[in-house]
Protein backbone atom coordinates (compact mmCIF):
# COMPACT_ATOMS: atom_id res chain seq x y z
CA MET A 1 8.75 7.11 -17.87
CA GLN A 2 7.54 3.78 -16.56
CA ILE A 3 4.09 3.30 -15.04
CA ARG A 4 2.72 0.37 -13.06
CA ILE A 5 -0.46 -0.19 -11.06
CA ILE A 6 -0.62 -2.82 -8.33
CA ASN A 7 -4.15 -3.85 -7.36
CA ALA A 8 -4.74 -5.32 -3.90
CA PRO A 9 -1.13 -4.94 -2.70
CA GLN A 10 -0.08 -7.59 -0.21
CA ASP A 11 1.48 -6.93 3.21
CA ASN A 12 5.01 -7.49 1.91
CA LEU A 13 4.57 -4.57 -0.48
CA PHE A 14 3.52 -2.34 2.40
CA ASP A 15 6.65 -3.46 4.26
CA MET A 16 8.76 -2.44 1.25
CA LEU A 17 6.90 0.86 1.02
CA ALA A 18 7.40 1.57 4.73
CA ARG A 19 11.19 1.39 4.28
CA ARG A 20 11.10 3.99 1.48
CA VAL A 21 8.79 6.71 2.83
CA ALA A 22 8.69 9.26 5.64
CA PRO A 23 6.93 8.45 8.95
CA HIS A 24 3.90 10.63 8.17
CA VAL A 25 3.22 8.55 5.04
CA ARG A 26 3.42 5.29 7.01
CA LYS A 27 0.86 6.76 9.42
CA TRP A 28 -1.40 7.81 6.50
CA VAL A 29 -1.26 4.30 5.05
CA ASP A 30 -2.20 2.82 8.44
CA GLU A 31 -5.19 5.17 8.74
CA ASN A 32 -6.57 5.09 5.18
CA PRO A 33 -7.76 2.37 2.81
CA VAL A 34 -5.13 1.52 0.20
CA SER A 35 -6.46 -0.99 -2.28
CA ALA A 36 -4.13 0.04 -5.11
CA MET A 37 -0.65 1.43 -5.54
CA GLY A 38 0.43 3.30 -8.65
CA LEU A 39 4.12 3.69 -9.40
CA VAL A 40 5.68 6.18 -11.80
CA GLN A 41 9.40 6.33 -12.50
CA ALA A 42 10.35 9.68 -13.99
CA SER A 43 12.70 12.65 -13.78
CA VAL A 44 12.60 14.89 -10.71
CA PRO A 45 10.70 17.75 -12.44
CA ASP A 46 8.20 15.25 -13.83
CA LEU A 47 7.77 13.76 -10.36
CA PHE A 48 6.54 17.07 -8.96
CA TYR A 49 4.35 17.72 -12.00
CA PHE A 50 2.79 14.24 -11.91
CA ALA A 51 2.26 14.39 -8.13
CA ASP A 52 0.35 17.65 -8.62
CA ILE A 53 -1.72 16.19 -11.47
CA ALA A 54 -2.55 13.05 -9.47
CA SER A 55 -3.52 14.97 -6.34
CA LYS A 56 -5.81 17.29 -8.27
CA SER A 57 -7.50 14.49 -10.21
CA ALA A 58 -8.37 12.06 -7.41
CA ASN A 59 -8.39 11.49 -3.66
CA VAL A 60 -4.92 9.90 -3.42
CA MET A 61 -1.72 10.26 -1.43
CA THR A 62 1.35 10.94 -3.55
CA VAL A 63 4.83 10.38 -2.22
CA GLU A 64 8.36 10.19 -3.55
CA LEU A 65 9.99 6.86 -2.74
CA PHE A 66 13.47 7.01 -1.23
CA GLY A 67 15.94 4.47 -2.45
CA THR A 68 17.92 3.04 -5.28
CA CYS A 69 17.06 5.31 -8.21
CA PRO A 70 19.84 7.27 -9.90
CA GLN A 71 20.17 10.95 -9.05
CA THR A 72 18.19 12.16 -12.08
CA THR A 73 15.40 9.59 -11.83
CA THR A 74 12.98 8.98 -9.00
CA THR A 75 9.79 7.07 -8.27
CA LEU A 76 6.40 8.45 -7.33
CA ALA A 77 3.91 6.28 -5.45
CA VAL A 78 0.20 7.04 -5.81
CA LEU A 79 -1.76 5.43 -2.97
CA GLY A 80 -5.47 5.06 -2.35
CA GLU A 81 -8.60 3.21 -3.31
CA THR A 82 -8.49 1.42 -6.66
CA SER A 83 -10.78 3.78 -8.59
CA ALA A 84 -8.94 6.86 -7.30
CA VAL A 85 -5.50 5.44 -8.14
CA ARG A 86 -6.67 4.44 -11.62
CA ALA A 87 -8.08 7.95 -12.21
CA ALA A 88 -4.87 9.58 -10.99
CA MET A 89 -2.69 7.31 -13.12
CA ALA A 90 -4.84 7.98 -16.19
CA ALA A 91 -4.43 11.72 -15.59
CA ILE A 92 -0.65 11.25 -15.32
CA GLU A 93 -0.55 9.27 -18.57
CA GLU A 94 -2.60 11.95 -20.32
CA ALA A 95 -0.36 14.73 -18.97
CA SER A 96 2.85 12.93 -19.94
CA GLY A 97 2.53 14.04 -23.56
CA PRO A 98 4.47 16.98 -25.01
CA ALA A 99 4.67 19.94 -22.63
CA PHE A 100 4.33 22.57 -25.34
């Protein structure tokens, strides 16, 4: 699993994001403040698990990015205000330990 947080993403990053998400996510980004973008590259089951963890821990939008990842790996974007994204990403890191 790889994790990155981008603070104060620039317009070019939103252009990249727009090419890799569904229309309803583009609309959400246009209507809500996004001052940070968290990215998690993980397996498909982990993606769903981490999206659930992030959504329950903070007021963020979680979305799977379409694109160049291999079939068994995908990328989750966590979007929102900086403090919310940091809280969601911390929850993901904490939950990424052993499942049992």
